Amino acid sequence: MDMMDSIANTKVKVVVRRNGKSVAELVRLGDVFSIDENSISEEMMHQAGLYAYFAVQMAYAEYSHAKAIAAKEQEYAAADEAYRDELAKEFAVAGKKLTEAVVKAAVIQDEDYQNVLSEEDVAKLNYRLLRTICNALEMRATMLQSVGAHLRHELDMDGMNIRDRHYQSTISDVKKAITNSKQKQV
Protein backbone atom coordinates (compact mmCIF):
# COMPACT_ATOMS: atom_id res chain seq x y z
CA MET A 1 0.00 0.00 0.00
CA ASP A 2 1.47 3.34 -1.00
CA MET A 3 1.28 6.53 1.04
CA MET A 4 -1.80 7.90 -0.77
CA ASP A 5 -3.77 4.70 -0.08
CA SER A 6 -2.68 4.90 3.53
CA ILE A 7 -3.89 8.49 3.78
CA ALA A 8 -7.17 7.69 2.00
CA ASN A 9 -7.85 4.84 4.43
CA THR A 10 -7.07 6.93 7.51
CA LYS A 11 -10.09 7.43 9.73
CA VAL A 12 -10.44 10.52 11.86
CA LYS A 13 -12.83 10.85 14.80
CA VAL A 14 -14.83 14.01 14.25
CA VAL A 15 -17.35 15.32 16.77
CA VAL A 16 -20.47 16.52 14.96
CA ARG A 17 -23.90 17.78 15.99
CA ARG A 18 -26.75 15.41 15.30
CA ASN A 19 -30.26 16.00 16.65
CA GLY A 20 -28.95 18.65 19.03
CA LYS A 21 -26.30 16.36 20.56
CA SER A 22 -22.57 16.03 20.04
CA VAL A 23 -21.71 12.68 18.48
CA ALA A 24 -18.29 11.26 17.61
CA GLU A 25 -18.20 10.00 14.05
CA LEU A 26 -15.39 8.20 12.23
CA VAL A 27 -14.68 9.85 8.88
CA ARG A 28 -12.53 8.07 6.28
CA LEU A 29 -10.41 10.73 4.57
CA GLY A 30 -10.65 8.96 1.20
CA ASP A 31 -14.45 9.28 1.30
CA VAL A 32 -14.24 13.03 1.86
CA PHE A 33 -11.34 14.04 -0.36
CA SER A 34 -11.14 11.58 -3.25
CA ILE A 35 -12.08 12.85 -6.71
CA ASP A 36 -13.57 10.78 -9.53
CA GLU A 37 -12.09 12.36 -12.67
CA ASN A 38 -14.76 10.62 -14.77
CA SER A 39 -17.47 12.55 -12.99
CA ILE A 40 -16.11 16.06 -12.38
CA SER A 41 -19.55 17.68 -12.72
CA GLU A 42 -20.97 15.45 -9.98
CA GLU A 43 -17.91 16.03 -7.82
CA MET A 44 -18.36 19.82 -8.16
CA MET A 45 -22.03 19.57 -7.19
CA HIS A 46 -21.16 17.30 -4.27
CA GLN A 47 -18.38 19.67 -3.13
CA ALA A 48 -20.70 22.49 -2.06
CA GLY A 49 -22.80 20.22 0.16
CA LEU A 50 -19.74 18.55 1.62
CA TYR A 51 -18.16 21.89 2.47
CA ALA A 52 -21.41 23.25 3.91
CA TYR A 53 -21.83 20.20 6.16
CA PHE A 54 -18.33 20.45 7.61
CA ALA A 55 -18.47 24.26 7.88
CA VAL A 56 -21.65 24.02 9.97
CA GLN A 57 -20.03 21.35 12.14
CA MET A 58 -16.99 23.59 12.53
CA ALA A 59 -19.22 26.45 13.72
CA TYR A 60 -20.73 24.18 16.38
CA ALA A 61 -17.24 23.06 17.42
CA GLU A 62 -16.07 26.66 17.65
CA TYR A 63 -19.07 27.48 19.84
CA SER A 64 -18.34 24.48 22.08
CA HIS A 65 -14.71 25.57 22.34
CA ALA A 66 -15.73 29.11 23.35
CA LYS A 67 -18.07 27.67 26.01
CA ALA A 68 -15.25 25.44 27.32
CA ILE A 69 -12.95 28.47 27.61
CA ALA A 70 -15.63 30.35 29.56
CA ALA A 71 -16.18 27.34 31.86
CA LYS A 72 -12.42 27.12 32.48
CA GLU A 73 -12.24 30.81 33.39
CA GLN A 74 -15.24 30.50 35.72
CA GLU A 75 -13.73 27.46 37.43
CA TYR A 76 -10.41 29.27 37.79
CA ALA A 77 -12.12 32.26 39.40
CA ALA A 78 -14.12 30.08 41.81
CA ALA A 79 -11.07 28.00 42.76
CA ASP A 80 -8.92 31.14 43.11
CA GLU A 81 -11.40 32.66 45.55
CA ALA A 82 -11.72 29.46 47.60
CA TYR A 83 -7.97 28.80 47.79
CA ARG A 84 -7.14 32.44 48.43
CA ASP A 85 -9.44 32.53 51.50
CA GLU A 86 -8.26 29.14 52.78
CA LEU A 87 -4.57 29.83 52.23
CA ALA A 88 -4.81 33.36 53.65
CA LYS A 89 -5.99 31.90 56.96
CA GLU A 90 -3.23 29.24 56.99
CA PHE A 91 -0.52 31.74 56.12
CA ALA A 92 -1.79 34.27 58.69
CA VAL A 93 -1.61 31.64 61.45
CA ALA A 94 1.91 30.72 60.35
CA GLY A 95 2.90 34.39 60.12
CA LYS A 96 3.80 34.15 56.45
CA LYS A 97 2.80 36.28 53.48
CA LEU A 98 0.54 34.70 50.85
CA THR A 99 1.79 35.20 47.26
CA GLU A 100 -0.02 35.04 43.93
CA ALA A 101 2.23 32.17 42.87
CA VAL A 102 1.06 30.05 45.81
CA VAL A 103 -2.60 30.70 45.01
CA LYS A 104 -2.07 30.02 41.30
CA ALA A 105 -0.24 26.75 42.04
CA ALA A 106 -3.13 25.60 44.25
CA VAL A 107 -5.71 26.47 41.61
CA ILE A 108 -3.79 24.72 38.83
CA GLN A 109 -3.57 21.55 40.91
CA ASP A 110 -7.28 21.61 41.75
CA GLU A 111 -9.07 18.51 40.39
CA ASP A 112 -12.18 20.39 39.20
CA TYR A 113 -10.01 22.92 37.39
CA GLN A 114 -8.01 20.10 35.76
CA ASN A 115 -11.27 18.53 34.54
CA VAL A 116 -12.51 21.71 32.84
CA LEU A 117 -9.03 22.25 31.43
CA SER A 118 -9.21 18.78 29.89
CA GLU A 119 -12.68 19.54 28.47
CA GLU A 120 -11.30 22.70 26.89
CA ASP A 121 -8.45 20.74 25.31
CA VAL A 122 -10.91 18.27 23.78
CA ALA A 123 -13.15 21.09 22.49
CA LYS A 124 -10.10 22.83 21.01
CA LEU A 125 -9.01 19.60 19.29
CA ASN A 126 -12.50 19.06 17.81
CA TYR A 127 -12.64 22.63 16.52
CA ARG A 128 -9.15 22.54 15.00
CA LEU A 129 -9.83 19.20 13.34
CA LEU A 130 -12.99 20.50 11.66
CA ARG A 131 -11.25 23.73 10.70
CA THR A 132 -8.49 21.69 9.05
CA ILE A 133 -11.05 19.59 7.16
CA CYS A 134 -12.78 22.78 5.94
CA ASN A 135 -9.46 24.23 4.79
CA ALA A 136 -8.73 20.99 2.94
CA LEU A 137 -12.19 21.11 1.35
CA GLU A 138 -11.45 24.63 0.10
CA MET A 139 -8.27 23.26 -1.47
CA ARG A 140 -10.31 20.40 -2.94
CA ALA A 141 -12.68 22.93 -4.55
CA THR A 142 -9.75 24.73 -6.14
CA MET A 143 -8.34 21.42 -7.32
CA LEU A 144 -11.70 20.44 -8.84
CA GLN A 145 -11.72 23.69 -10.81
CA SER A 146 -8.18 23.01 -12.04
CA VAL A 147 -8.95 19.41 -12.98
CA GLY A 148 -12.12 20.52 -14.80
CA ALA A 149 -10.20 23.17 -16.74
CA HIS A 150 -7.47 20.68 -17.58
CA LEU A 151 -9.99 18.10 -18.83
CA ARG A 152 -11.82 20.73 -20.93
CA HIS A 153 -8.48 21.73 -22.44
CA GLU A 154 -7.68 18.07 -23.24
CA LEU A 155 -11.09 17.61 -24.86
CA ASP A 156 -10.63 20.76 -26.93
CA MET A 157 -7.21 19.51 -28.08
CA ASP A 158 -8.60 16.06 -28.99
CA GLY A 159 -11.57 17.55 -30.84
CA MET A 160 -13.91 15.63 -28.56
CA ASN A 161 -15.59 18.59 -26.99
CA ILE A 162 -19.32 18.16 -27.59
CA ARG A 163 -20.03 21.86 -27.16
CA ASP A 164 -17.43 22.75 -29.78
CA ARG A 165 -18.86 20.20 -32.23
CA HIS A 166 -22.37 21.51 -31.58
CA TYR A 167 -21.13 25.08 -32.10
CA GLN A 168 -19.40 24.14 -35.35
CA SER A 169 -22.50 22.22 -36.48
CA THR A 170 -24.67 25.27 -35.81
CA ILE A 171 -22.31 27.47 -37.83
CA SER A 172 -22.46 24.95 -40.71
CA ASP A 173 -26.26 24.91 -40.54
CA VAL A 174 -26.40 28.71 -40.69
CA LYS A 175 -23.96 28.81 -43.62
CA LYS A 176 -26.05 26.21 -45.50
CA ALA A 177 -29.22 28.17 -44.82
CA ILE A 178 -27.62 31.37 -46.14
CA THR A 179 -26.24 29.59 -49.20
CA ASN A 180 -29.61 27.92 -49.90
CA SER A 181 -31.36 31.25 -49.43
CA LYS A 182 -29.01 32.94 -51.90
CA GLN A 183 -29.44 30.15 -54.44
CA LYS A 184 -33.23 30.41 -54.23
CA GLN A 185 -33.04 34.15 -54.85
CA VAL A 186 -30.99 33.75 -57.99
C-alpha atoms as a PDB file:
ATOM      1  CA  MET A   1       0.000   0.000   0.000  1.00  0.00           C
ATOM      2  CA  ASP A   2       1.467   3.336  -1.000  1.00  0.00           C
ATOM      3  CA  MET A   3       1.277   6.527   1.037  1.00  0.00           C
ATOM      4  CA  MET A   4      -1.796   7.898  -0.773  1.00  0.00           C
ATOM      5  CA  ASP A   5      -3.767   4.700  -0.075  1.00  0.00           C
ATOM      6  CA  SER A   6      -2.678   4.895   3.533  1.00  0.00           C
ATOM      7  CA  ILE A   7      -3.888   8.493   3.778  1.00  0.00           C
ATOM      8  CA  ALA A   8      -7.165   7.692   2.001  1.00  0.00           C
ATOM      9  CA  ASN A   9      -7.849   4.837   4.426  1.00  0.00           C
ATOM     10  CA  THR A  10      -7.072   6.925   7.506  1.00  0.00           C
ATOM     11  CA  LYS A  11     -10.094   7.426   9.727  1.00  0.00           C
ATOM     12  CA  VAL A  12     -10.444  10.525  11.864  1.00  0.00           C
ATOM     13  CA  LYS A  13     -12.831  10.850  14.798  1.00  0.00           C
ATOM     14  CA  VAL A  14     -14.832  14.012  14.245  1.00  0.00           C
ATOM     15  CA  VAL A  15     -17.347  15.325  16.768  1.00  0.00           C
ATOM     16  CA  VAL A  16     -20.468  16.515  14.961  1.00  0.00           C
ATOM     17  CA  ARG A  17     -23.901  17.778  15.993  1.00  0.00           C
ATOM     18  CA  ARG A  18     -26.749  15.415  15.300  1.00  0.00           C
ATOM     19  CA  ASN A  19     -30.261  15.995  16.646  1.00  0.00           C
ATOM     20  CA  GLY A  20     -28.945  18.646  19.028  1.00  0.00           C
ATOM     21  CA  LYS A  21     -26.299  16.361  20.558  1.00  0.00           C
ATOM     22  CA  SER A  22     -22.568  16.031  20.045  1.00  0.00           C
ATOM     23  CA  VAL A  23     -21.710  12.683  18.485  1.00  0.00           C
ATOM     24  CA  ALA A  24     -18.292  11.256  17.612  1.00  0.00           C
ATOM     25  CA  GLU A  25     -18.202   9.995  14.048  1.00  0.00           C
ATOM     26  CA  LEU A  26     -15.390   8.204  12.229  1.00  0.00           C
ATOM     27  CA  VAL A  27     -14.676   9.853   8.883  1.00  0.00           C
ATOM     28  CA  ARG A  28     -12.533   8.070   6.276  1.00  0.00           C
ATOM     29  CA  LEU A  29     -10.411  10.728   4.567  1.00  0.00           C
ATOM     30  CA  GLY A  30     -10.648   8.957   1.205  1.00  0.00           C
ATOM     31  CA  ASP A  31     -14.449   9.277   1.300  1.00  0.00           C
ATOM     32  CA  VAL A  32     -14.242  13.027   1.858  1.00  0.00           C
ATOM     33  CA  PHE A  33     -11.336  14.039  -0.355  1.00  0.00           C
ATOM     34  CA  SER A  34     -11.139  11.582  -3.249  1.00  0.00           C
ATOM     35  CA  ILE A  35     -12.079  12.845  -6.713  1.00  0.00           C
ATOM     36  CA  ASP A  36     -13.567  10.777  -9.534  1.00  0.00           C
ATOM     37  CA  GLU A  37     -12.089  12.355 -12.672  1.00  0.00           C
ATOM     38  CA  ASN A  38     -14.764  10.617 -14.769  1.00  0.00           C
ATOM     39  CA  SER A  39     -17.471  12.551 -12.992  1.00  0.00           C
ATOM     40  CA  ILE A  40     -16.112  16.057 -12.383  1.00  0.00           C
ATOM     41  CA  SER A  41     -19.553  17.676 -12.721  1.00  0.00           C
ATOM     42  CA  GLU A  42     -20.972  15.453  -9.985  1.00  0.00           C
ATOM     43  CA  GLU A  43     -17.913  16.035  -7.822  1.00  0.00           C
ATOM     44  CA  MET A  44     -18.356  19.815  -8.164  1.00  0.00           C
ATOM     45  CA  MET A  45     -22.031  19.572  -7.194  1.00  0.00           C
ATOM     46  CA  HIS A  46     -21.159  17.300  -4.266  1.00  0.00           C
ATOM     47  CA  GLN A  47     -18.381  19.670  -3.135  1.00  0.00           C
ATOM     48  CA  ALA A  48     -20.702  22.486  -2.063  1.00  0.00           C
ATOM     49  CA  GLY A  49     -22.799  20.219   0.157  1.00  0.00           C
ATOM     50  CA  LEU A  50     -19.740  18.548   1.622  1.00  0.00           C
ATOM     51  CA  TYR A  51     -18.161  21.893   2.471  1.00  0.00           C
ATOM     52  CA  ALA A  52     -21.411  23.253   3.914  1.00  0.00           C
ATOM     53  CA  TYR A  53     -21.832  20.202   6.164  1.00  0.00           C
ATOM     54  CA  PHE A  54     -18.329  20.452   7.609  1.00  0.00           C
ATOM     55  CA  ALA A  55     -18.473  24.264   7.883  1.00  0.00           C
ATOM     56  CA  VAL A  56     -21.652  24.018   9.967  1.00  0.00           C
ATOM     57  CA  GLN A  57     -20.030  21.354  12.139  1.00  0.00           C
ATOM     58  CA  MET A  58     -16.987  23.594  12.532  1.00  0.00           C
ATOM     59  CA  ALA A  59     -19.223  26.445  13.719  1.00  0.00           C
ATOM     60  CA  TYR A  60     -20.727  24.179  16.378  1.00  0.00           C
ATOM     61  CA  ALA A  61     -17.243  23.060  17.424  1.00  0.00           C
ATOM     62  CA  GLU A  62     -16.067  26.662  17.646  1.00  0.00           C
ATOM     63  CA  TYR A  63     -19.065  27.482  19.844  1.00  0.00           C
ATOM     64  CA  SER A  64     -18.336  24.477  22.083  1.00  0.00           C
ATOM     65  CA  HIS A  65     -14.712  25.569  22.344  1.00  0.00           C
ATOM     66  CA  ALA A  66     -15.725  29.106  23.354  1.00  0.00           C
ATOM     67  CA  LYS A  67     -18.070  27.666  26.015  1.00  0.00           C
ATOM     68  CA  ALA A  68     -15.252  25.440  27.324  1.00  0.00           C
ATOM     69  CA  ILE A  69     -12.950  28.470  27.611  1.00  0.00           C
ATOM     70  CA  ALA A  70     -15.631  30.353  29.563  1.00  0.00           C
ATOM     71  CA  ALA A  71     -16.176  27.343  31.858  1.00  0.00           C
ATOM     72  CA  LYS A  72     -12.423  27.123  32.483  1.00  0.00           C
ATOM     73  CA  GLU A  73     -12.243  30.808  33.394  1.00  0.00           C
ATOM     74  CA  GLN A  74     -15.241  30.500  35.720  1.00  0.00           C
ATOM     75  CA  GLU A  75     -13.732  27.462  37.429  1.00  0.00           C
ATOM     76  CA  TYR A  76     -10.414  29.266  37.793  1.00  0.00           C
ATOM     77  CA  ALA A  77     -12.124  32.260  39.399  1.00  0.00           C
ATOM     78  CA  ALA A  78     -14.123  30.076  41.813  1.00  0.00           C
ATOM     79  CA  ALA A  79     -11.071  28.003  42.762  1.00  0.00           C
ATOM     80  CA  ASP A  80      -8.921  31.139  43.113  1.00  0.00           C
ATOM     81  CA  GLU A  81     -11.396  32.658  45.549  1.00  0.00           C
ATOM     82  CA  ALA A  82     -11.721  29.463  47.605  1.00  0.00           C
ATOM     83  CA  TYR A  83      -7.969  28.803  47.790  1.00  0.00           C
ATOM     84  CA  ARG A  84      -7.144  32.444  48.430  1.00  0.00           C
ATOM     85  CA  ASP A  85      -9.438  32.528  51.499  1.00  0.00           C
ATOM     86  CA  GLU A  86      -8.259  29.139  52.775  1.00  0.00           C
ATOM     87  CA  LEU A  87      -4.566  29.828  52.234  1.00  0.00           C
ATOM     88  CA  ALA A  88      -4.806  33.356  53.654  1.00  0.00           C
ATOM     89  CA  LYS A  89      -5.990  31.899  56.963  1.00  0.00           C
ATOM     90  CA  GLU A  90      -3.228  29.242  56.986  1.00  0.00           C
ATOM     91  CA  PHE A  91      -0.516  31.736  56.118  1.00  0.00           C
ATOM     92  CA  ALA A  92      -1.791  34.270  58.691  1.00  0.00           C
ATOM     93  CA  VAL A  93      -1.614  31.636  61.450  1.00  0.00           C
ATOM     94  CA  ALA A  94       1.909  30.723  60.349  1.00  0.00           C
ATOM     95  CA  GLY A  95       2.902  34.394  60.123  1.00  0.00           C
ATOM     96  CA  LYS A  96       3.802  34.150  56.450  1.00  0.00           C
ATOM     97  CA  LYS A  97       2.802  36.282  53.475  1.00  0.00           C
ATOM     98  CA  LEU A  98       0.542  34.703  50.847  1.00  0.00           C
ATOM     99  CA  THR A  99       1.787  35.203  47.259  1.00  0.00           C
ATOM    100  CA  GLU A 100      -0.022  35.040  43.933  1.00  0.00           C
ATOM    101  CA  ALA A 101       2.231  32.174  42.868  1.00  0.00           C
ATOM    102  CA  VAL A 102       1.065  30.046  45.814  1.00  0.00           C
ATOM    103  CA  VAL A 103      -2.601  30.700  45.006  1.00  0.00           C
ATOM    104  CA  LYS A 104      -2.068  30.023  41.300  1.00  0.00           C
ATOM    105  CA  ALA A 105      -0.243  26.750  42.042  1.00  0.00           C
ATOM    106  CA  ALA A 106      -3.131  25.595  44.254  1.00  0.00           C
ATOM    107  CA  VAL A 107      -5.713  26.467  41.606  1.00  0.00           C
ATOM    108  CA  ILE A 108      -3.792  24.723  38.828  1.00  0.00           C
ATOM    109  CA  GLN A 109      -3.567  21.550  40.908  1.00  0.00           C
ATOM    110  CA  ASP A 110      -7.281  21.608  41.748  1.00  0.00           C
ATOM    111  CA  GLU A 111      -9.072  18.513  40.391  1.00  0.00           C
ATOM    112  CA  ASP A 112     -12.181  20.392  39.197  1.00  0.00           C
ATOM    113  CA  TYR A 113     -10.006  22.916  37.389  1.00  0.00           C
ATOM    114  CA  GLN A 114      -8.005  20.097  35.765  1.00  0.00           C
ATOM    115  CA  ASN A 115     -11.272  18.527  34.542  1.00  0.00           C
ATOM    116  CA  VAL A 116     -12.510  21.712  32.838  1.00  0.00           C
ATOM    117  CA  LEU A 117      -9.027  22.254  31.429  1.00  0.00           C
ATOM    118  CA  SER A 118      -9.210  18.785  29.890  1.00  0.00           C
ATOM    119  CA  GLU A 119     -12.679  19.545  28.473  1.00  0.00           C
ATOM    120  CA  GLU A 120     -11.295  22.704  26.894  1.00  0.00           C
ATOM    121  CA  ASP A 121      -8.451  20.743  25.312  1.00  0.00           C
ATOM    122  CA  VAL A 122     -10.914  18.265  23.781  1.00  0.00           C
ATOM    123  CA  ALA A 123     -13.147  21.086  22.489  1.00  0.00           C
ATOM    124  CA  LYS A 124     -10.102  22.826  21.006  1.00  0.00           C
ATOM    125  CA  LEU A 125      -9.011  19.598  19.286  1.00  0.00           C
ATOM    126  CA  ASN A 126     -12.495  19.057  17.813  1.00  0.00           C
ATOM    127  CA  TYR A 127     -12.639  22.629  16.520  1.00  0.00           C
ATOM    128  CA  ARG A 128      -9.154  22.541  15.001  1.00  0.00           C
ATOM    129  CA  LEU A 129      -9.827  19.201  13.340  1.00  0.00           C
ATOM    130  CA  LEU A 130     -12.989  20.497  11.662  1.00  0.00           C
ATOM    131  CA  ARG A 131     -11.246  23.730  10.703  1.00  0.00           C
ATOM    132  CA  THR A 132      -8.485  21.686   9.046  1.00  0.00           C
ATOM    133  CA  ILE A 133     -11.052  19.593   7.160  1.00  0.00           C
ATOM    134  CA  CYS A 134     -12.783  22.781   5.944  1.00  0.00           C
ATOM    135  CA  ASN A 135      -9.458  24.229   4.791  1.00  0.00           C
ATOM    136  CA  ALA A 136      -8.727  20.995   2.938  1.00  0.00           C
ATOM    137  CA  LEU A 137     -12.186  21.110   1.351  1.00  0.00           C
ATOM    138  CA  GLU A 138     -11.446  24.633   0.101  1.00  0.00           C
ATOM    139  CA  MET A 139      -8.268  23.256  -1.472  1.00  0.00           C
ATOM    140  CA  ARG A 140     -10.309  20.398  -2.942  1.00  0.00           C
ATOM    141  CA  ALA A 141     -12.680  22.926  -4.549  1.00  0.00           C
ATOM    142  CA  THR A 142      -9.746  24.726  -6.142  1.00  0.00           C
ATOM    143  CA  MET A 143      -8.336  21.417  -7.320  1.00  0.00           C
ATOM    144  CA  LEU A 144     -11.700  20.436  -8.845  1.00  0.00           C
ATOM    145  CA  GLN A 145     -11.721  23.689 -10.809  1.00  0.00           C
ATOM    146  CA  SER A 146      -8.184  23.009 -12.036  1.00  0.00           C
ATOM    147  CA  VAL A 147      -8.952  19.407 -12.976  1.00  0.00           C
ATOM    148  CA  GLY A 148     -12.116  20.522 -14.799  1.00  0.00           C
ATOM    149  CA  ALA A 149     -10.204  23.169 -16.740  1.00  0.00           C
ATOM    150  CA  HIS A 150      -7.473  20.678 -17.580  1.00  0.00           C
ATOM    151  CA  LEU A 151      -9.989  18.104 -18.828  1.00  0.00           C
ATOM    152  CA  ARG A 152     -11.817  20.729 -20.931  1.00  0.00           C
ATOM    153  CA  HIS A 153      -8.480  21.725 -22.441  1.00  0.00           C
ATOM    154  CA  GLU A 154      -7.679  18.074 -23.244  1.00  0.00           C
ATOM    155  CA  LEU A 155     -11.092  17.613 -24.864  1.00  0.00           C
ATOM    156  CA  ASP A 156     -10.627  20.758 -26.928  1.00  0.00           C
ATOM    157  CA  MET A 157      -7.214  19.512 -28.076  1.00  0.00           C
ATOM    158  CA  ASP A 158      -8.603  16.059 -28.992  1.00  0.00           C
ATOM    159  CA  GLY A 159     -11.566  17.554 -30.843  1.00  0.00           C
ATOM    160  CA  MET A 160     -13.908  15.629 -28.564  1.00  0.00           C
ATOM    161  CA  ASN A 161     -15.592  18.587 -26.986  1.00  0.00           C
ATOM    162  CA  ILE A 162     -19.315  18.163 -27.587  1.00  0.00           C
ATOM    163  CA  ARG A 163     -20.033  21.858 -27.162  1.00  0.00           C
ATOM    164  CA  ASP A 164     -17.432  22.749 -29.779  1.00  0.00           C
ATOM    165  CA  ARG A 165     -18.857  20.203 -32.231  1.00  0.00           C
ATOM    166  CA  HIS A 166     -22.368  21.514 -31.579  1.00  0.00           C
ATOM    167  CA  TYR A 167     -21.132  25.082 -32.104  1.00  0.00           C
ATOM    168  CA  GLN A 168     -19.395  24.140 -35.354  1.00  0.00           C
ATOM    169  CA  SER A 169     -22.498  22.224 -36.485  1.00  0.00           C
ATOM    170  CA  THR A 170     -24.669  25.270 -35.809  1.00  0.00           C
ATOM    171  CA  ILE A 171     -22.311  27.466 -37.827  1.00  0.00           C
ATOM    172  CA  SER A 172     -22.456  24.953 -40.708  1.00  0.00           C
ATOM    173  CA  ASP A 173     -26.258  24.909 -40.543  1.00  0.00           C
ATOM    174  CA  VAL A 174     -26.401  28.707 -40.688  1.00  0.00           C
ATOM    175  CA  LYS A 175     -23.956  28.808 -43.622  1.00  0.00           C
ATOM    176  CA  LYS A 176     -26.047  26.210 -45.497  1.00  0.00           C
ATOM    177  CA  ALA A 177     -29.221  28.166 -44.818  1.00  0.00           C
ATOM    178  CA  ILE A 178     -27.622  31.374 -46.140  1.00  0.00           C
ATOM    179  CA  THR A 179     -26.236  29.587 -49.195  1.00  0.00           C
ATOM    180  CA  ASN A 180     -29.609  27.920 -49.898  1.00  0.00           C
ATOM    181  CA  SER A 181     -31.364  31.247 -49.433  1.00  0.00           C
ATOM    182  CA  LYS A 182     -29.011  32.945 -51.898  1.00  0.00           C
ATOM    183  CA  GLN A 183     -29.438  30.154 -54.444  1.00  0.00           C
ATOM    184  CA  LYS A 184     -33.227  30.410 -54.231  1.00  0.00           C
ATOM    185  CA  GLN A 185     -33.041  34.153 -54.848  1.00  0.00           C
ATOM    186  CA  VAL A 186     -30.994  33.754 -57.990  1.00  0.00           C
END
